[in-house]
Amino acid sequence: MKRDRRNNRDGQKKEGTRQLIGIQEITDYSLRVEHGELVFFLIHPSNLSVLSESSLSARIYGLMTVLKGMAELEMLCLNSKENFEDNKKFIQDRVEEEENPAVRKLLEADLIFLDQIQVQMATAREFILVVRLQGEEEKEISPYLNRIEKTLNDQGFTTRRADGDDIRRILAVYFEQNVTTEWFEESDGERWVIFHEH
């Protein structure tokens, strides 16, 4: 008797990665999840170390104004690049265990290399404001999102709405901690499929 590979022994359908983490769809401007639709606004970070005290105070006041005026906004601060902490911990443990001096020297060189990469990426953060759409009518969504974007720009923030590719990239870094994957796959394993191959 043939068994459907997508079903487990109990006859239950196995879920894909997107279903397991609760993603229903990635649209051109949002992420649809079980409890609504998320729209992301990417904020271009400022180099605070070069701002004067008055400019910094103006930025803080602008952010406070935005947050007070729009209670529906949520804030995220994510790594925009890979995090090497787990790799560094693993290599450090290996250095302590390793008895061969040549191998230990190579492992220590790897640690130095990871430290150098991490220093270069120290400011690689992504600042994101999130709006949850819940029950808004289709015709109201675009003006609503445009108003939020205009308010952010009026307060001195350089911002843009994340598109589908931005959302996939954010998910790839967040869930996979992977900078080599360009974006989160729509379907499991899709990057390995070659179309029109005979």
Protein backbone atom coordinates (compact mmCIF):
# COMPACT_ATOMS: atom_id res chain seq x y z
CA MET A 1 0.00 0.00 0.00
CA LYS A 2 1.43 3.38 -1.00
CA ARG A 3 1.61 6.03 1.66
CA ASP A 4 1.49 9.77 0.96
CA ARG A 5 4.95 11.09 1.90
CA ARG A 6 3.43 14.30 3.20
CA ASN A 7 1.55 12.37 5.89
CA ASN A 8 3.11 10.88 9.00
CA ARG A 9 2.29 7.46 10.49
CA ASP A 10 -0.87 8.73 12.17
CA GLY A 11 -2.21 10.01 8.87
CA GLN A 12 -1.72 13.65 9.85
CA LYS A 13 -0.42 16.02 7.20
CA LYS A 14 3.07 17.33 7.96
CA GLU A 15 3.39 21.08 8.05
CA GLY A 16 5.92 23.12 6.11
CA THR A 17 8.23 25.64 7.75
CA ARG A 18 5.93 28.59 7.06
CA GLN A 19 2.96 26.82 8.66
CA LEU A 20 5.00 25.84 11.71
CA ILE A 21 5.94 29.45 12.40
CA GLY A 22 2.46 30.71 11.64
CA ILE A 23 3.01 32.47 8.30
CA GLN A 24 0.09 32.28 5.91
CA GLU A 25 1.42 34.46 3.10
CA ILE A 26 4.11 36.97 2.18
CA THR A 27 2.50 39.67 0.03
CA ASP A 28 4.04 42.58 -1.86
CA TYR A 29 3.77 44.77 1.25
CA SER A 30 2.94 42.59 4.26
CA LEU A 31 3.29 39.36 6.17
CA ARG A 32 -0.02 37.56 6.78
CA VAL A 33 -0.07 35.53 9.99
CA GLU A 34 -2.78 33.77 11.95
CA HIS A 35 -3.60 36.85 14.03
CA GLY A 36 -3.64 39.53 11.35
CA GLU A 37 -1.42 41.16 8.79
CA LEU A 38 1.92 42.82 9.59
CA VAL A 39 3.30 45.78 7.64
CA PHE A 40 6.94 46.74 8.22
CA PHE A 41 8.46 50.21 7.93
CA LEU A 42 12.25 50.14 7.61
CA ILE A 43 13.96 53.07 9.30
CA HIS A 44 17.34 54.15 8.00
CA PRO A 45 19.56 54.39 11.09
CA SER A 46 21.38 57.60 11.95
CA ASN A 47 24.96 57.71 13.17
CA LEU A 48 24.19 59.08 16.63
CA SER A 49 27.86 59.50 17.50
CA VAL A 50 28.21 62.43 15.08
CA LEU A 51 24.98 64.21 16.02
CA SER A 52 25.07 67.26 18.26
CA GLU A 53 23.24 67.13 21.57
CA SER A 54 20.42 69.29 20.21
CA SER A 55 20.04 67.09 17.09
CA LEU A 56 19.96 63.98 19.26
CA SER A 57 17.30 65.55 21.50
CA ALA A 58 15.27 66.43 18.39
CA ARG A 59 15.46 62.80 17.21
CA ILE A 60 14.32 61.51 20.60
CA TYR A 61 11.48 64.03 20.69
CA GLY A 62 10.47 63.08 17.11
CA LEU A 63 10.34 59.37 18.01
CA MET A 64 8.34 60.16 21.17
CA THR A 65 5.89 62.22 19.08
CA VAL A 66 5.43 59.37 16.59
CA LEU A 67 4.88 56.77 19.31
CA LYS A 68 2.47 58.96 21.27
CA GLY A 69 0.51 59.78 18.13
CA MET A 70 0.26 56.20 16.89
CA ALA A 71 -0.29 53.71 19.67
CA GLU A 72 -0.65 50.89 17.13
CA LEU A 73 3.06 50.96 16.21
CA GLU A 74 5.37 48.25 17.49
CA MET A 75 9.16 48.52 17.40
CA LEU A 76 11.72 45.92 16.38
CA CYS A 77 15.48 46.06 16.40
CA LEU A 78 16.98 43.10 14.57
CA ASN A 79 20.39 42.04 13.37
CA SER A 80 20.54 42.80 9.68
CA LYS A 81 23.45 40.42 9.33
CA GLU A 82 24.50 37.07 10.74
CA ASN A 83 25.19 36.71 14.46
CA PHE A 84 28.44 34.83 15.17
CA GLU A 85 28.08 34.33 18.94
CA ASP A 86 27.15 30.62 18.73
CA ASN A 87 30.00 29.94 16.31
CA LYS A 88 32.48 31.76 18.54
CA LYS A 89 31.33 29.84 21.61
CA PHE A 90 31.68 26.53 19.76
CA ILE A 91 35.20 27.37 18.55
CA GLN A 92 36.21 28.60 22.02
CA ASP A 93 35.07 25.29 23.52
CA ARG A 94 37.04 23.42 20.84
CA VAL A 95 40.18 25.48 21.62
CA GLU A 96 39.92 24.49 25.28
CA GLU A 97 39.48 20.78 24.40
CA GLU A 98 42.08 20.57 21.62
CA GLU A 99 45.42 18.97 22.50
CA ASN A 100 47.14 19.33 19.13
CA PRO A 101 48.96 22.73 19.11
CA ALA A 102 48.68 23.14 15.30
CA VAL A 103 44.91 22.60 15.35
CA ARG A 104 44.56 24.88 18.39
CA LYS A 105 46.43 27.63 16.51
CA LEU A 106 44.06 27.29 13.53
CA LEU A 107 41.01 27.46 15.82
CA GLU A 108 42.39 30.59 17.49
CA ALA A 109 42.91 32.15 14.04
CA ASP A 110 39.25 31.37 13.27
CA LEU A 111 38.21 33.15 16.47
CA ILE A 112 40.21 36.24 15.53
CA PHE A 113 38.64 36.20 12.04
CA LEU A 114 35.10 35.98 13.47
CA ASP A 115 35.88 38.84 15.86
CA GLN A 116 37.05 41.00 12.94
CA ILE A 117 33.90 40.26 10.94
CA GLN A 118 31.71 40.99 13.96
CA VAL A 119 33.43 44.35 14.55
CA GLN A 120 32.73 45.29 10.93
CA MET A 121 29.07 44.38 11.43
CA ALA A 122 28.72 45.92 14.90
CA THR A 123 26.40 48.60 13.58
CA ALA A 124 24.51 46.24 11.27
CA ARG A 125 21.16 46.65 12.95
CA GLU A 126 17.80 47.04 11.31
CA PHE A 127 15.23 49.29 12.97
CA ILE A 128 11.68 48.46 12.04
CA LEU A 129 8.27 49.79 12.98
CA VAL A 130 5.43 47.29 12.66
CA VAL A 131 1.74 47.96 12.10
CA ARG A 132 -0.78 45.16 12.61
CA LEU A 133 -3.69 45.40 10.21
CA GLN A 134 -6.81 43.93 11.78
CA GLY A 135 -10.15 44.25 10.10
CA GLU A 136 -9.34 47.31 7.97
CA GLU A 137 -11.21 47.43 4.68
CA GLU A 138 -9.08 47.01 1.56
CA LYS A 139 -9.74 50.56 0.33
CA GLU A 140 -8.65 52.03 3.69
CA ILE A 141 -5.30 50.22 3.93
CA SER A 142 -3.25 52.20 1.41
CA PRO A 143 -4.22 55.70 2.70
CA TYR A 144 -3.69 54.51 6.28
CA LEU A 145 -0.18 53.20 5.55
CA ASN A 146 0.69 56.30 3.49
CA ARG A 147 -0.34 58.50 6.44
CA ILE A 148 1.95 56.55 8.80
CA GLU A 149 4.87 56.79 6.36
CA LYS A 150 4.32 60.55 5.93
CA THR A 151 4.19 61.08 9.72
CA LEU A 152 7.50 59.25 10.13
CA ASN A 153 9.15 61.27 7.38
CA ASP A 154 7.72 64.54 8.78
CA GLN A 155 9.43 63.77 12.09
CA GLY A 156 12.82 63.49 10.39
CA PHE A 157 13.06 59.72 9.94
CA THR A 158 14.18 58.28 6.62
CA THR A 159 11.79 55.39 6.18
CA ARG A 160 10.22 53.18 3.57
CA ARG A 161 7.68 50.41 3.57
CA ALA A 162 9.21 46.92 3.34
CA ASP A 163 8.29 44.96 0.22
CA GLY A 164 8.03 41.17 -0.13
CA ASP A 165 11.76 40.74 -0.77
CA ASP A 166 12.64 42.84 2.31
CA ILE A 167 10.32 40.69 4.42
CA ARG A 168 11.89 37.45 3.14
CA ARG A 169 15.39 38.80 3.87
CA ILE A 170 14.38 39.83 7.41
CA LEU A 171 12.89 36.38 8.04
CA ALA A 172 15.99 34.64 6.64
CA VAL A 173 18.31 36.53 9.00
CA TYR A 174 15.93 36.28 11.96
CA PHE A 175 15.06 32.59 11.72
CA GLU A 176 18.12 31.15 9.96
CA GLN A 177 20.80 33.65 11.10
CA ASN A 178 22.02 33.24 7.56
CA VAL A 179 23.51 35.96 5.36
CA THR A 180 24.20 33.59 2.48
CA THR A 181 20.48 33.02 1.87
CA GLU A 182 19.11 35.98 -0.03
CA TRP A 183 15.65 35.56 1.40
CA PHE A 184 13.25 33.28 3.19
CA GLU A 185 11.88 30.67 0.79
CA GLU A 186 8.23 30.74 -0.23
CA SER A 187 8.26 26.91 -0.24
CA ASP A 188 10.66 24.60 1.57
CA GLY A 189 13.63 23.78 -0.68
CA GLU A 190 12.57 26.02 -3.57
CA ARG A 191 16.12 27.29 -4.12
CA TRP A 192 17.17 23.74 -5.12
CA VAL A 193 14.51 23.33 -7.82
CA ILE A 194 15.74 23.86 -11.39
CA PHE A 195 12.92 24.50 -13.83
CA HIS A 196 12.95 23.33 -17.46
CA GLU A 197 15.75 20.83 -16.86
CA HIS A 198 15.51 17.81 -19.16
